[in-house]
Amino acid sequence: MQAARSVLNARHPLERRYGPDSPLDIQSECIVRMMKDGWSRLKQAHQAVERARQELDELAARKILFSRKRRLLQAEEQYRQALAQLAEILRYLVQFILYHLDLSSQKPDPIQCPVPIEREVTLQDYLQERRELLQTLLDEKARRLWIKDRCREAEHKRARMIAQWHTERVPGCEQAQQTIARLERLHRLSWSLPEDVRMEIRDLKRQGQLRLALRELERFYERDAPVSPTPVHRSDVNRGSQSVTVRQKASPTPIGNGKAYASQHDVWGLKIAYC
């Protein structure tokens, strides 16, 4: 009984993890608070990119400058590293949010600052493709809306997964319900059972032979189950009714009370046919 009830009461891991549905505003607010330090680092990295770009533009605008080439190279290197750090922080924030909401199976790698040189090209491409997303996450109001949309997307995905999981478990749940019904019928024996059958099942239960007791109870109910007439029986009935109909047509109709006699004759004919 406990095993069958555990099947009926089973819940998908996502149901146990997230519990009852909570408003999207609360879900998004939790992520905003969770990533509070991340938003601060993203803003600081963006400001560092802006300063490095401004310094590079100022150096490039100067016509006469001692050791100008060396300083330009240093400014370009600083600007490239600032861009890489900005892309690295953006990459981590986006991957963490998607992974936390189960929208992605990719666990985010930790932030690496300074960024290795071999990863700079990859991060430059990443930042180039997500320029619009960067501007969205830098703005507080737009960031909250973006996170809320991701929470809604994750909620729909969880609902589809949970519904599919429960659909696949329908046969098992039906079998568990049947098992519970059989065990409850064995626990509370009906007084409509014959005395010898009830005593035999009760003795088996006292001996701990529950499977044998259940089998004996099911054998009794299966024995008393109504059996539908076979096609052979139905054909015999049809032939009987046809023979009676032929005899009715051949018999003469009496004069006077002919209608009453005919109706009475039809009733007896039906009785003969179904006997």
C-alpha atoms as a PDB file:
ATOM      1  CA  MET A   1       0.000   0.000   0.000  1.00  0.00           C
ATOM      2  CA  GLN A   2       2.832   2.384   0.872  1.00  0.00           C
ATOM      3  CA  ALA A   3       4.630   1.616  -2.374  1.00  0.00           C
ATOM      4  CA  ALA A   4       1.483   2.266  -4.401  1.00  0.00           C
ATOM      5  CA  ARG A   5       0.776   5.522  -2.578  1.00  0.00           C
ATOM      6  CA  SER A   6       4.360   6.661  -3.098  1.00  0.00           C
ATOM      7  CA  VAL A   7       3.819   6.224  -6.841  1.00  0.00           C
ATOM      8  CA  LEU A   8       0.670   8.362  -6.730  1.00  0.00           C
ATOM      9  CA  ASN A   9       2.293  11.036  -4.529  1.00  0.00           C
ATOM     10  CA  ALA A  10       5.526  11.261  -6.552  1.00  0.00           C
ATOM     11  CA  ARG A  11       6.534  14.713  -7.779  1.00  0.00           C
ATOM     12  CA  HIS A  12       8.928  15.833 -10.461  1.00  0.00           C
ATOM     13  CA  PRO A  13      12.291  17.083  -9.113  1.00  0.00           C
ATOM     14  CA  LEU A  14      11.482  20.550 -10.471  1.00  0.00           C
ATOM     15  CA  GLU A  15       8.236  20.571  -8.480  1.00  0.00           C
ATOM     16  CA  ARG A  16      10.142  19.751  -5.289  1.00  0.00           C
ATOM     17  CA  ARG A  17      12.838  22.312  -6.075  1.00  0.00           C
ATOM     18  CA  TYR A  18      10.659  25.291  -6.961  1.00  0.00           C
ATOM     19  CA  GLY A  19       7.541  24.448  -4.962  1.00  0.00           C
ATOM     20  CA  PRO A  20       4.328  26.358  -5.691  1.00  0.00           C
ATOM     21  CA  ASP A  21       4.395  28.876  -8.478  1.00  0.00           C
ATOM     22  CA  SER A  22       5.587  32.276  -7.312  1.00  0.00           C
ATOM     23  CA  PRO A  23       4.947  35.568  -9.116  1.00  0.00           C
ATOM     24  CA  LEU A  24       7.451  36.474 -11.791  1.00  0.00           C
ATOM     25  CA  ASP A  25       8.245  39.728  -9.989  1.00  0.00           C
ATOM     26  CA  ILE A  26       9.458  37.794  -6.947  1.00  0.00           C
ATOM     27  CA  GLN A  27      11.510  35.383  -9.055  1.00  0.00           C
ATOM     28  CA  SER A  28      13.197  38.182 -10.988  1.00  0.00           C
ATOM     29  CA  GLU A  29      13.839  40.161  -7.810  1.00  0.00           C
ATOM     30  CA  CYS A  30      15.639  37.181  -6.305  1.00  0.00           C
ATOM     31  CA  ILE A  31      17.985  36.985  -9.291  1.00  0.00           C
ATOM     32  CA  VAL A  32      18.617  40.728  -9.198  1.00  0.00           C
ATOM     33  CA  ARG A  33      19.644  40.504  -5.541  1.00  0.00           C
ATOM     34  CA  MET A  34      21.654  37.343  -6.155  1.00  0.00           C
ATOM     35  CA  MET A  35      23.701  39.048  -8.870  1.00  0.00           C
ATOM     36  CA  LYS A  36      24.111  42.383  -7.079  1.00  0.00           C
ATOM     37  CA  ASP A  37      27.926  42.184  -7.100  1.00  0.00           C
ATOM     38  CA  GLY A  38      27.857  41.069 -10.741  1.00  0.00           C
ATOM     39  CA  TRP A  39      25.950  44.161 -11.863  1.00  0.00           C
ATOM     40  CA  SER A  40      28.463  46.349 -10.010  1.00  0.00           C
ATOM     41  CA  ARG A  41      31.423  44.628 -11.669  1.00  0.00           C
ATOM     42  CA  LEU A  42      29.756  44.871 -15.085  1.00  0.00           C
ATOM     43  CA  LYS A  43      29.250  48.616 -14.627  1.00  0.00           C
ATOM     44  CA  GLN A  44      32.840  49.126 -13.483  1.00  0.00           C
ATOM     45  CA  ALA A  45      34.201  47.112 -16.411  1.00  0.00           C
ATOM     46  CA  HIS A  46      32.141  49.195 -18.839  1.00  0.00           C
ATOM     47  CA  GLN A  47      33.473  52.412 -17.308  1.00  0.00           C
ATOM     48  CA  ALA A  48      37.034  51.066 -17.626  1.00  0.00           C
ATOM     49  CA  VAL A  49      36.404  50.416 -21.339  1.00  0.00           C
ATOM     50  CA  GLU A  50      35.127  53.960 -21.801  1.00  0.00           C
ATOM     51  CA  ARG A  51      38.209  55.448 -20.089  1.00  0.00           C
ATOM     52  CA  ALA A  52      40.610  53.288 -22.096  1.00  0.00           C
ATOM     53  CA  ARG A  53      38.885  54.252 -25.329  1.00  0.00           C
ATOM     54  CA  GLN A  54      39.006  57.949 -24.455  1.00  0.00           C
ATOM     55  CA  GLU A  55      42.710  57.781 -23.650  1.00  0.00           C
ATOM     56  CA  LEU A  56      43.409  55.933 -26.896  1.00  0.00           C
ATOM     57  CA  ASP A  57      41.491  58.534 -28.914  1.00  0.00           C
ATOM     58  CA  GLU A  58      43.376  61.387 -27.248  1.00  0.00           C
ATOM     59  CA  LEU A  59      46.746  59.822 -28.000  1.00  0.00           C
ATOM     60  CA  ALA A  60      45.809  59.157 -31.597  1.00  0.00           C
ATOM     61  CA  ALA A  61      44.729  62.810 -32.034  1.00  0.00           C
ATOM     62  CA  ARG A  62      48.061  64.244 -30.940  1.00  0.00           C
ATOM     63  CA  LYS A  63      50.384  65.122 -33.822  1.00  0.00           C
ATOM     64  CA  ILE A  64      53.681  65.609 -32.002  1.00  0.00           C
ATOM     65  CA  LEU A  65      54.443  63.390 -29.042  1.00  0.00           C
ATOM     66  CA  PHE A  66      57.718  61.970 -27.774  1.00  0.00           C
ATOM     67  CA  SER A  67      57.687  58.149 -27.842  1.00  0.00           C
ATOM     68  CA  ARG A  68      54.137  58.389 -29.215  1.00  0.00           C
ATOM     69  CA  LYS A  69      54.230  54.947 -30.782  1.00  0.00           C
ATOM     70  CA  ARG A  70      55.094  53.155 -27.522  1.00  0.00           C
ATOM     71  CA  ARG A  71      52.306  54.893 -25.602  1.00  0.00           C
ATOM     72  CA  LEU A  72      49.817  54.102 -28.355  1.00  0.00           C
ATOM     73  CA  LEU A  73      50.732  50.445 -28.110  1.00  0.00           C
ATOM     74  CA  GLN A  74      50.242  50.551 -24.344  1.00  0.00           C
ATOM     75  CA  ALA A  75      46.887  52.301 -24.718  1.00  0.00           C
ATOM     76  CA  GLU A  76      45.722  49.786 -27.308  1.00  0.00           C
ATOM     77  CA  GLU A  77      46.749  46.913 -25.061  1.00  0.00           C
ATOM     78  CA  GLN A  78      44.905  48.449 -22.108  1.00  0.00           C
ATOM     79  CA  TYR A  79      41.793  49.012 -24.215  1.00  0.00           C
ATOM     80  CA  ARG A  80      41.847  45.450 -25.549  1.00  0.00           C
ATOM     81  CA  GLN A  81      42.211  44.012 -22.056  1.00  0.00           C
ATOM     82  CA  ALA A  82      39.369  46.201 -20.764  1.00  0.00           C
ATOM     83  CA  LEU A  83      37.110  44.949 -23.552  1.00  0.00           C
ATOM     84  CA  ALA A  84      38.045  41.351 -22.767  1.00  0.00           C
ATOM     85  CA  GLN A  85      37.263  41.808 -19.070  1.00  0.00           C
ATOM     86  CA  LEU A  86      33.909  43.394 -19.901  1.00  0.00           C
ATOM     87  CA  ALA A  87      33.038  40.492 -22.194  1.00  0.00           C
ATOM     88  CA  GLU A  88      34.194  37.982 -19.562  1.00  0.00           C
ATOM     89  CA  ILE A  89      31.927  39.465 -16.880  1.00  0.00           C
ATOM     90  CA  LEU A  90      29.012  39.693 -19.298  1.00  0.00           C
ATOM     91  CA  ARG A  91      29.571  36.076 -20.325  1.00  0.00           C
ATOM     92  CA  TYR A  92      29.540  34.890 -16.722  1.00  0.00           C
ATOM     93  CA  LEU A  93      26.398  36.843 -15.780  1.00  0.00           C
ATOM     94  CA  VAL A  94      24.368  35.602 -18.744  1.00  0.00           C
ATOM     95  CA  GLN A  95      25.509  31.991 -18.380  1.00  0.00           C
ATOM     96  CA  PHE A  96      24.842  32.025 -14.635  1.00  0.00           C
ATOM     97  CA  ILE A  97      21.284  33.341 -15.039  1.00  0.00           C
ATOM     98  CA  LEU A  98      20.412  30.869 -17.794  1.00  0.00           C
ATOM     99  CA  TYR A  99      21.950  27.992 -15.832  1.00  0.00           C
ATOM    100  CA  HIS A 100      20.188  28.998 -12.608  1.00  0.00           C
ATOM    101  CA  LEU A 101      16.823  29.070 -14.421  1.00  0.00           C
ATOM    102  CA  ASP A 102      17.515  25.710 -16.137  1.00  0.00           C
ATOM    103  CA  LEU A 103      17.406  27.389 -19.528  1.00  0.00           C
ATOM    104  CA  SER A 104      20.903  26.092 -20.220  1.00  0.00           C
ATOM    105  CA  SER A 105      22.795  22.980 -19.141  1.00  0.00           C
ATOM    106  CA  GLN A 106      26.170  24.733 -19.434  1.00  0.00           C
ATOM    107  CA  LYS A 107      27.577  25.506 -16.003  1.00  0.00           C
ATOM    108  CA  PRO A 108      29.374  28.879 -16.118  1.00  0.00           C
ATOM    109  CA  ASP A 109      33.133  28.902 -15.757  1.00  0.00           C
ATOM    110  CA  PRO A 110      34.545  31.254 -13.103  1.00  0.00           C
ATOM    111  CA  ILE A 111      35.563  34.754 -14.164  1.00  0.00           C
ATOM    112  CA  GLN A 112      39.211  35.003 -15.196  1.00  0.00           C
ATOM    113  CA  CYS A 113      40.717  38.460 -14.753  1.00  0.00           C
ATOM    114  CA  PRO A 114      43.050  39.336 -16.298  1.00  0.00           C
ATOM    115  CA  VAL A 115      41.786  37.432 -19.287  1.00  0.00           C
ATOM    116  CA  PRO A 116      44.227  34.982 -20.930  1.00  0.00           C
ATOM    117  CA  ILE A 117      45.474  36.177 -24.297  1.00  0.00           C
ATOM    118  CA  GLU A 118      44.239  33.053 -26.084  1.00  0.00           C
ATOM    119  CA  ARG A 119      40.655  33.850 -25.035  1.00  0.00           C
ATOM    120  CA  GLU A 120      40.622  37.501 -26.054  1.00  0.00           C
ATOM    121  CA  VAL A 121      39.594  36.857 -29.661  1.00  0.00           C
ATOM    122  CA  THR A 122      36.715  34.629 -28.602  1.00  0.00           C
ATOM    123  CA  LEU A 123      35.507  37.186 -26.080  1.00  0.00           C
ATOM    124  CA  GLN A 124      35.703  39.986 -28.636  1.00  0.00           C
ATOM    125  CA  ASP A 125      33.371  38.033 -30.920  1.00  0.00           C
ATOM    126  CA  TYR A 126      31.079  37.320 -27.951  1.00  0.00           C
ATOM    127  CA  LEU A 127      30.897  40.994 -27.025  1.00  0.00           C
ATOM    128  CA  GLN A 128      30.304  42.032 -30.620  1.00  0.00           C
ATOM    129  CA  GLU A 129      27.306  39.707 -30.901  1.00  0.00           C
ATOM    130  CA  ARG A 130      25.791  40.911 -27.614  1.00  0.00           C
ATOM    131  CA  ARG A 131      26.174  44.659 -27.805  1.00  0.00           C
ATOM    132  CA  GLU A 132      22.435  45.203 -27.454  1.00  0.00           C
ATOM    133  CA  LEU A 133      22.207  42.783 -24.509  1.00  0.00           C
ATOM    134  CA  LEU A 134      25.064  44.624 -22.787  1.00  0.00           C
ATOM    135  CA  GLN A 135      23.208  47.920 -23.005  1.00  0.00           C
ATOM    136  CA  THR A 136      20.085  46.220 -21.645  1.00  0.00           C
ATOM    137  CA  LEU A 137      21.890  44.822 -18.610  1.00  0.00           C
ATOM    138  CA  LEU A 138      23.611  48.128 -17.876  1.00  0.00           C
ATOM    139  CA  ASP A 139      20.217  49.845 -17.549  1.00  0.00           C
ATOM    140  CA  GLU A 140      18.480  48.897 -14.285  1.00  0.00           C
ATOM    141  CA  LYS A 141      14.894  49.070 -15.570  1.00  0.00           C
ATOM    142  CA  ALA A 142      15.635  47.261 -18.835  1.00  0.00           C
ATOM    143  CA  ARG A 143      17.658  44.667 -16.900  1.00  0.00           C
ATOM    144  CA  ARG A 144      14.711  43.814 -14.648  1.00  0.00           C
ATOM    145  CA  LEU A 145      12.422  43.378 -17.652  1.00  0.00           C
ATOM    146  CA  TRP A 146      14.954  41.112 -19.380  1.00  0.00           C
ATOM    147  CA  ILE A 147      15.327  38.945 -16.273  1.00  0.00           C
ATOM    148  CA  LYS A 148      11.556  38.772 -15.864  1.00  0.00           C
ATOM    149  CA  ASP A 149      11.214  37.538 -19.450  1.00  0.00           C
ATOM    150  CA  ARG A 150      13.822  34.837 -18.766  1.00  0.00           C
ATOM    151  CA  CYS A 151      11.929  33.790 -15.623  1.00  0.00           C
ATOM    152  CA  ARG A 152       8.711  33.512 -17.638  1.00  0.00           C
ATOM    153  CA  GLU A 153      10.504  31.437 -20.270  1.00  0.00           C
ATOM    154  CA  ALA A 154      11.903  29.134 -17.579  1.00  0.00           C
ATOM    155  CA  GLU A 155       8.474  28.785 -15.979  1.00  0.00           C
ATOM    156  CA  HIS A 156       6.914  27.685 -19.272  1.00  0.00           C
ATOM    157  CA  LYS A 157       9.732  25.224 -19.867  1.00  0.00           C
ATOM    158  CA  ARG A 158       9.309  23.706 -16.403  1.00  0.00           C
ATOM    159  CA  ALA A 159       5.547  23.406 -16.898  1.00  0.00           C
ATOM    160  CA  ARG A 160       6.049  21.528 -20.187  1.00  0.00           C
ATOM    161  CA  MET A 161       8.589  19.169 -18.645  1.00  0.00           C
ATOM    162  CA  ILE A 162       6.439  18.449 -15.592  1.00  0.00           C
ATOM    163  CA  ALA A 163       3.313  17.867 -17.700  1.00  0.00           C
ATOM    164  CA  GLN A 164       5.199  15.467 -19.972  1.00  0.00           C
ATOM    165  CA  TRP A 165       6.580  13.628 -16.939  1.00  0.00           C
ATOM    166  CA  HIS A 166       3.105  13.157 -15.433  1.00  0.00           C
ATOM    167  CA  THR A 167       1.684  12.057 -18.789  1.00  0.00           C
ATOM    168  CA  GLU A 168       4.288   9.312 -19.086  1.00  0.00           C
ATOM    169  CA  ARG A 169       3.435   8.127 -15.561  1.00  0.00           C
ATOM    170  CA  VAL A 170      -0.303   7.686 -16.205  1.00  0.00           C
ATOM    171  CA  PRO A 171      -0.126   3.866 -16.742  1.00  0.00           C
ATOM    172  CA  GLY A 172       1.900   3.427 -13.565  1.00  0.00           C
ATOM    173  CA  CYS A 173      -0.496   5.611 -11.568  1.00  0.00           C
ATOM    174  CA  GLU A 174      -3.507   3.689 -12.840  1.00  0.00           C
ATOM    175  CA  GLN A 175      -1.874   0.413 -11.842  1.00  0.00           C
ATOM    176  CA  ALA A 176      -1.102   1.850  -8.395  1.00  0.00           C
ATOM    177  CA  GLN A 177      -4.733   2.923  -7.958  1.00  0.00           C
ATOM    178  CA  GLN A 178      -5.896  -0.566  -8.886  1.00  0.00           C
ATOM    179  CA  THR A 179      -3.461  -2.053  -6.384  1.00  0.00           C
ATOM    180  CA  ILE A 180      -4.765   0.202  -3.614  1.00  0.00           C
ATOM    181  CA  ALA A 181      -8.361  -0.673  -4.465  1.00  0.00           C
ATOM    182  CA  ARG A 182      -7.578  -4.421  -4.369  1.00  0.00           C
ATOM    183  CA  LEU A 183      -5.773  -4.137  -1.031  1.00  0.00           C
ATOM    184  CA  GLU A 184      -8.581  -2.083   0.506  1.00  0.00           C
ATOM    185  CA  ARG A 185     -11.118  -4.670  -0.667  1.00  0.00           C
ATOM    186  CA  LEU A 186      -8.960  -7.364   0.925  1.00  0.00           C
ATOM    187  CA  HIS A 187      -8.717  -5.365   4.154  1.00  0.00           C
ATOM    188  CA  ARG A 188     -12.484  -4.820   4.416  1.00  0.00           C
ATOM    189  CA  LEU A 189     -14.094  -8.046   3.285  1.00  0.00           C
ATOM    190  CA  SER A 190     -17.614  -7.601   1.995  1.00  0.00           C
ATOM    191  CA  TRP A 191     -20.439  -9.326   3.897  1.00  0.00           C
ATOM    192  CA  SER A 192     -21.838 -10.382   0.537  1.00  0.00           C
ATOM    193  CA  LEU A 193     -19.082 -13.000   0.305  1.00  0.00           C
ATOM    194  CA  PRO A 194     -20.079 -16.582   1.131  1.00  0.00           C
ATOM    195  CA  GLU A 195     -19.165 -17.625   4.654  1.00  0.00           C
ATOM    196  CA  ASP A 196     -16.704 -20.310   3.564  1.00  0.00           C
ATOM    197  CA  VAL A 197     -14.901 -17.929   1.183  1.00  0.00           C
ATOM    198  CA  ARG A 198     -14.720 -15.196   3.797  1.00  0.00           C
ATOM    199  CA  MET A 199     -13.354 -17.562   6.451  1.00  0.00           C
ATOM    200  CA  GLU A 200     -10.762 -18.991   4.064  1.00  0.00           C
ATOM    201  CA  ILE A 201      -9.518 -15.516   3.124  1.00  0.00           C
ATOM    202  CA  ARG A 202      -9.474 -14.471   6.778  1.00  0.00           C
ATOM    203  CA  ASP A 203      -7.358 -17.494   7.708  1.00  0.00           C
ATOM    204  CA  LEU A 204      -4.890 -16.708   4.927  1.00  0.00           C
ATOM    205  CA  LYS A 205      -4.614 -13.124   6.154  1.00  0.00           C
ATOM    206  CA  ARG A 206      -3.921 -14.274   9.720  1.00  0.00           C
ATOM    207  CA  GLN A 207      -1.185 -16.550   8.405  1.00  0.00           C
ATOM    208  CA  GLY A 208       0.403 -13.619   6.563  1.00  0.00           C
ATOM    209  CA  GLN A 209      -0.373 -15.119   3.159  1.00  0.00           C
ATOM    210  CA  LEU A 210      -1.654 -11.855   1.726  1.00  0.00           C
ATOM    211  CA  ARG A 211      -0.861 -12.737  -1.876  1.00  0.00           C
ATOM    212  CA  LEU A 212      -2.792 -16.010  -1.600  1.00  0.00           C
ATOM    213  CA  ALA A 213      -5.667 -14.241   0.127  1.00  0.00           C
ATOM    214  CA  LEU A 214      -5.780 -11.608  -2.583  1.00  0.00           C
ATOM    215  CA  ARG A 215      -5.639 -14.258  -5.280  1.00  0.00           C
ATOM    216  CA  GLU A 216      -8.516 -16.169  -3.673  1.00  0.00           C
ATOM    217  CA  LEU A 217     -10.620 -13.010  -3.426  1.00  0.00           C
ATOM    218  CA  GLU A 218      -9.987 -12.107  -7.060  1.00  0.00           C
ATOM    219  CA  ARG A 219     -10.791 -15.643  -8.148  1.00  0.00           C
ATOM    220  CA  PHE A 220     -14.187 -15.397  -6.463  1.00  0.00           C
ATOM    221  CA  TYR A 221     -15.053 -12.063  -8.101  1.00  0.00           C
ATOM    222  CA  GLU A 222     -13.869 -13.271 -11.490  1.00  0.00           C
ATOM    223  CA  ARG A 223     -16.034 -16.391 -11.121  1.00  0.00           C
ATOM    224  CA  ASP A 224     -19.167 -14.325 -10.404  1.00  0.00           C
ATOM    225  CA  ALA A 225     -18.467 -11.735 -13.117  1.00  0.00           C
ATOM    226  CA  PRO A 226     -21.333 -11.520 -15.677  1.00  0.00           C
ATOM    227  CA  VAL A 227     -20.566 -13.096 -19.024  1.00  0.00           C
ATOM    228  CA  SER A 228     -21.961 -11.500 -22.180  1.00  0.00           C
ATOM    229  CA  PRO A 229     -23.814 -13.865 -24.563  1.00  0.00           C
ATOM    230  CA  THR A 230     -21.606 -15.335 -27.240  1.00  0.00           C
ATOM    231  CA  PRO A 231     -22.346 -14.775 -30.925  1.00  0.00           C
ATOM    232  CA  VAL A 232     -23.622 -18.370 -31.120  1.00  0.00           C
ATOM    233  CA  HIS A 233     -26.257 -17.686 -28.462  1.00  0.00           C
ATOM    234  CA  ARG A 234     -27.333 -14.505 -30.218  1.00  0.00           C
ATOM    235  CA  SER A 235     -27.725 -16.377 -33.529  1.00  0.00           C
ATOM    236  CA  ASP A 236     -29.914 -19.007 -31.795  1.00  0.00           C
ATOM    237  CA  VAL A 237     -32.151 -16.272 -30.475  1.00  0.00           C
ATOM    238  CA  ASN A 238     -32.496 -14.737 -33.902  1.00  0.00           C
ATOM    239  CA  ARG A 239     -33.377 -18.112 -35.452  1.00  0.00           C
ATOM    240  CA  GLY A 240     -35.969 -18.714 -32.733  1.00  0.00           C
ATOM    241  CA  SER A 241     -37.603 -15.357 -33.304  1.00  0.00           C
ATOM    242  CA  GLN A 242     -37.605 -15.924 -37.055  1.00  0.00           C
ATOM    243  CA  SER A 243     -39.349 -19.302 -36.686  1.00  0.00           C
ATOM    244  CA  VAL A 244     -42.020 -17.784 -34.470  1.00  0.00           C
ATOM    245  CA  THR A 245     -42.578 -15.001 -36.983  1.00  0.00           C
ATOM    246  CA  VAL A 246     -43.067 -17.541 -39.775  1.00  0.00           C
ATOM    247  CA  ARG A 247     -45.623 -19.462 -37.695  1.00  0.00           C
ATOM    248  CA  GLN A 248     -47.453 -16.204 -36.931  1.00  0.00           C
ATOM    249  CA  LYS A 249     -47.783 -15.443 -40.640  1.00  0.00           C
ATOM    250  CA  ALA A 250     -49.080 -18.940 -41.385  1.00  0.00           C
ATOM    251  CA  SER A 251     -51.702 -18.969 -38.586  1.00  0.00           C
ATOM    252  CA  PRO A 252     -55.188 -17.554 -39.515  1.00  0.00           C
ATOM    253  CA  THR A 253     -56.459 -14.432 -37.828  1.00  0.00           C
ATOM    254  CA  PRO A 254     -59.742 -15.001 -35.862  1.00  0.00           C
ATOM    255  CA  ILE A 255     -62.892 -13.033 -36.675  1.00  0.00           C
ATOM    256  CA  GLY A 256     -64.294 -10.435 -34.278  1.00  0.00           C
ATOM    257  CA  ASN A 257     -61.673  -9.951 -31.626  1.00  0.00           C
ATOM    258  CA  GLY A 258     -58.879 -10.263 -34.169  1.00  0.00           C
ATOM    259  CA  LYS A 259     -56.686  -7.346 -32.949  1.00  0.00           C
ATOM    260  CA  ALA A 260     -56.708  -8.453 -29.327  1.00  0.00           C
ATOM    261  CA  TYR A 261     -55.920 -12.040 -30.332  1.00  0.00           C
ATOM    262  CA  ALA A 262     -53.106 -10.883 -32.621  1.00  0.00           C
ATOM    263  CA  SER A 263     -51.505  -8.715 -29.937  1.00  0.00           C
ATOM    264  CA  GLN A 264     -51.742 -11.536 -27.384  1.00  0.00           C
ATOM    265  CA  HIS A 265     -50.283 -13.937 -29.928  1.00  0.00           C
ATOM    266  CA  ASP A 266     -47.372 -11.535 -30.547  1.00  0.00           C
ATOM    267  CA  VAL A 267     -46.606 -11.321 -26.840  1.00  0.00           C
ATOM    268  CA  TRP A 268     -46.505 -15.117 -26.508  1.00  0.00           C
ATOM    269  CA  GLY A 269     -44.369 -15.287 -29.606  1.00  0.00           C
ATOM    270  CA  LEU A 270     -41.784 -12.931 -28.051  1.00  0.00           C
ATOM    271  CA  LYS A 271     -41.761 -14.965 -24.858  1.00  0.00           C
ATOM    272  CA  ILE A 272     -41.136 -18.139 -26.825  1.00  0.00           C
ATOM    273  CA  ALA A 273     -38.376 -16.498 -28.846  1.00  0.00           C
ATOM    274  CA  TYR A 274     -36.386 -15.290 -25.802  1.00  0.00           C
ATOM    275  CA  CYS A 275     -36.878 -18.529 -23.901  1.00  0.00           C
END
